Amino acid sequence: MGNSNLAMRLTYVRYMRQQCMVPLQVLALAAVRATAKITPHMRDAILANITAAEQFFSRWSDTFEWHPPEGGPIAFPRLKPRESIDKWCKQVVEECGVLLLPASIYDHGDSSDKGHFRIGLGRTNMPECLKQLDKWLVSKYGAR
């Protein structure tokens, strides 16, 4: 009796795996077909955001150490003041409304100890976020 029940369950699991794959395959196919449209748009947005980030971090060079990403839309700048990066990122989110993730989220203790945080460069509202962060930094550290 037990083997028959197990066999039915395994059949059901196999069936569900196959059925769930169909919508994923459709979505993947749609993404592949739209690559020619999506890729240049995202590439242009990321390059513009890297330029905006370079200008921002240049202005705040005494507060941050900036290294542009070597590939992709993610950078890991470093906060120079010896503050807890976890507390600092939490303060930024709560007081400024800009999401920056501390390196501890990625279980990278060494980077977290050095004050690194993640900043995404793929969003179209990046320039507005940098302006908002700039305003908050002025209130915290003074004008630049």
Protein backbone atom coordinates (compact mmCIF):
# COMPACT_ATOMS: atom_id res chain seq x y z
CA MET A 1 0.00 0.00 0.00
CA GLY A 2 2.82 2.40 0.88
CA ASN A 3 4.77 1.86 -2.39
CA SER A 4 1.67 2.57 -4.47
CA ASN A 5 1.08 5.84 -2.61
CA LEU A 6 4.74 6.82 -3.05
CA ALA A 7 4.61 6.00 -6.76
CA MET A 8 1.53 8.20 -7.19
CA ARG A 9 3.24 11.07 -5.36
CA LEU A 10 6.36 10.77 -7.50
CA THR A 11 4.23 10.76 -10.65
CA TYR A 12 2.47 13.90 -9.43
CA VAL A 13 5.80 15.63 -8.62
CA ARG A 14 7.18 14.79 -12.08
CA TYR A 15 3.99 16.05 -13.73
CA MET A 16 4.08 19.33 -11.78
CA ARG A 17 7.76 19.88 -12.63
CA GLN A 18 7.00 19.55 -16.31
CA GLN A 19 3.92 21.78 -16.14
CA CYS A 20 5.71 24.51 -14.19
CA MET A 21 8.50 24.56 -16.74
CA VAL A 22 6.18 25.64 -19.56
CA PRO A 23 5.48 29.19 -18.26
CA LEU A 24 9.17 29.62 -17.45
CA GLN A 25 10.13 28.52 -20.94
CA VAL A 26 7.65 30.98 -22.44
CA LEU A 27 9.10 33.83 -20.35
CA ALA A 28 12.65 32.84 -21.25
CA LEU A 29 11.77 32.75 -24.94
CA ALA A 30 10.15 36.20 -24.72
CA ALA A 31 13.30 37.58 -23.05
CA VAL A 32 15.55 36.05 -25.71
CA ARG A 33 13.39 37.50 -28.48
CA ALA A 34 13.46 40.97 -26.85
CA THR A 35 17.22 40.96 -26.18
CA ALA A 36 17.96 43.23 -29.14
CA LYS A 37 15.60 45.85 -27.67
CA ILE A 38 16.37 45.38 -23.98
CA THR A 39 20.17 45.16 -24.08
CA PRO A 40 20.99 48.54 -25.70
CA HIS A 41 18.46 50.32 -23.48
CA MET A 42 19.86 48.79 -20.29
CA ARG A 43 23.46 49.27 -21.42
CA ASP A 44 22.83 52.97 -22.08
CA ALA A 45 21.12 53.40 -18.70
CA ILE A 46 23.97 51.64 -16.86
CA LEU A 47 26.65 53.70 -18.64
CA ALA A 48 24.81 56.94 -17.85
CA ASN A 49 24.45 55.86 -14.23
CA ILE A 50 28.15 54.99 -13.97
CA THR A 51 28.96 58.51 -15.19
CA ALA A 52 26.53 60.01 -12.65
CA ALA A 53 28.01 57.84 -9.87
CA GLU A 54 31.57 58.84 -10.81
CA GLN A 55 30.61 62.52 -10.56
CA PHE A 56 28.83 61.93 -7.26
CA PHE A 57 31.67 59.95 -5.67
CA SER A 58 34.24 62.41 -6.99
CA ARG A 59 32.40 65.16 -5.15
CA TRP A 60 32.39 63.05 -1.99
CA SER A 61 35.91 61.61 -2.38
CA ASP A 62 36.79 62.35 1.25
CA THR A 63 33.79 60.27 2.36
CA PHE A 64 33.81 57.42 -0.17
CA GLU A 65 36.26 55.30 -2.12
CA TRP A 66 34.80 54.60 -5.58
CA HIS A 67 35.71 51.83 -7.99
CA PRO A 68 33.45 51.46 -11.04
CA PRO A 69 32.17 47.96 -11.77
CA GLU A 70 34.30 45.88 -14.10
CA GLY A 71 31.18 44.43 -15.67
CA GLY A 72 27.50 44.62 -14.88
CA PRO A 73 25.38 47.12 -12.99
CA ILE A 74 26.68 46.59 -9.42
CA ALA A 75 29.41 48.51 -7.58
CA PHE A 76 30.79 48.19 -4.06
CA PRO A 77 32.06 51.60 -2.92
CA ARG A 78 33.58 52.02 0.52
CA LEU A 79 32.54 54.43 3.27
CA LYS A 80 35.75 56.02 4.56
CA PRO A 81 34.60 57.28 7.97
CA ARG A 82 35.02 54.54 10.56
CA GLU A 83 31.32 53.93 11.12
CA SER A 84 29.45 50.65 11.20
CA ILE A 85 28.42 50.16 7.56
CA ASP A 86 25.36 48.20 8.68
CA LYS A 87 24.14 51.05 10.88
CA TRP A 88 25.08 53.65 8.26
CA CYS A 89 23.11 51.89 5.48
CA LYS A 90 20.13 51.50 7.81
CA GLN A 91 20.30 55.21 8.61
CA VAL A 92 20.45 56.08 4.89
CA VAL A 93 17.32 54.01 4.18
CA GLU A 94 15.37 55.36 7.15
CA GLU A 95 16.36 59.03 6.86
CA CYS A 96 17.02 59.40 3.15
CA GLY A 97 14.90 56.74 1.46
CA VAL A 98 17.77 55.38 -0.65
CA LEU A 99 18.51 51.66 -0.43
CA LEU A 100 22.18 50.79 -0.04
CA LEU A 101 23.07 47.28 1.12
CA PRO A 102 26.02 46.66 3.45
CA ALA A 103 28.53 43.99 2.48
CA SER A 104 27.41 41.95 5.50
CA ILE A 105 24.22 41.08 3.57
CA TYR A 106 26.47 39.09 1.23
CA ASP A 107 28.26 37.39 4.14
CA HIS A 108 31.55 39.04 3.22
CA GLY A 109 32.93 40.02 6.61
CA ASP A 110 36.20 41.50 5.35
CA SER A 111 34.41 43.92 3.00
CA SER A 112 31.88 44.74 5.68
CA ASP A 113 34.66 45.51 8.18
CA LYS A 114 36.21 47.89 5.63
CA GLY A 115 32.90 49.72 5.09
CA HIS A 116 31.86 48.48 1.65
CA PHE A 117 28.26 48.65 0.49
CA ARG A 118 26.37 47.67 -2.65
CA ILE A 119 24.93 50.20 -5.04
CA GLY A 120 22.92 49.17 -8.08
CA LEU A 121 23.47 51.11 -11.31
CA GLY A 122 20.71 49.63 -13.44
CA ARG A 123 17.76 51.75 -12.32
CA THR A 124 16.46 54.62 -14.44
CA ASN A 125 15.90 56.75 -11.32
CA MET A 126 19.57 56.55 -10.28
CA PRO A 127 20.28 60.29 -10.82
CA GLU A 128 17.35 61.23 -8.57
CA CYS A 129 18.54 58.78 -5.91
CA LEU A 130 22.04 60.28 -6.01
CA LYS A 131 20.56 63.79 -5.60
CA GLN A 132 18.56 62.59 -2.61
CA LEU A 133 21.64 60.92 -1.10
CA ASP A 134 23.71 64.04 -1.77
CA LYS A 135 21.22 66.20 0.11
CA TRP A 136 21.26 63.78 3.06
CA LEU A 137 25.07 63.65 3.09
CA VAL A 138 25.25 67.44 3.20
CA SER A 139 23.01 67.42 6.27
CA LYS A 140 25.18 64.72 7.91
CA TYR A 141 28.72 65.69 6.90
CA GLY A 142 28.41 69.28 5.72
CA ALA A 143 28.52 70.91 2.28
CA ARG A 144 31.03 69.92 -0.39
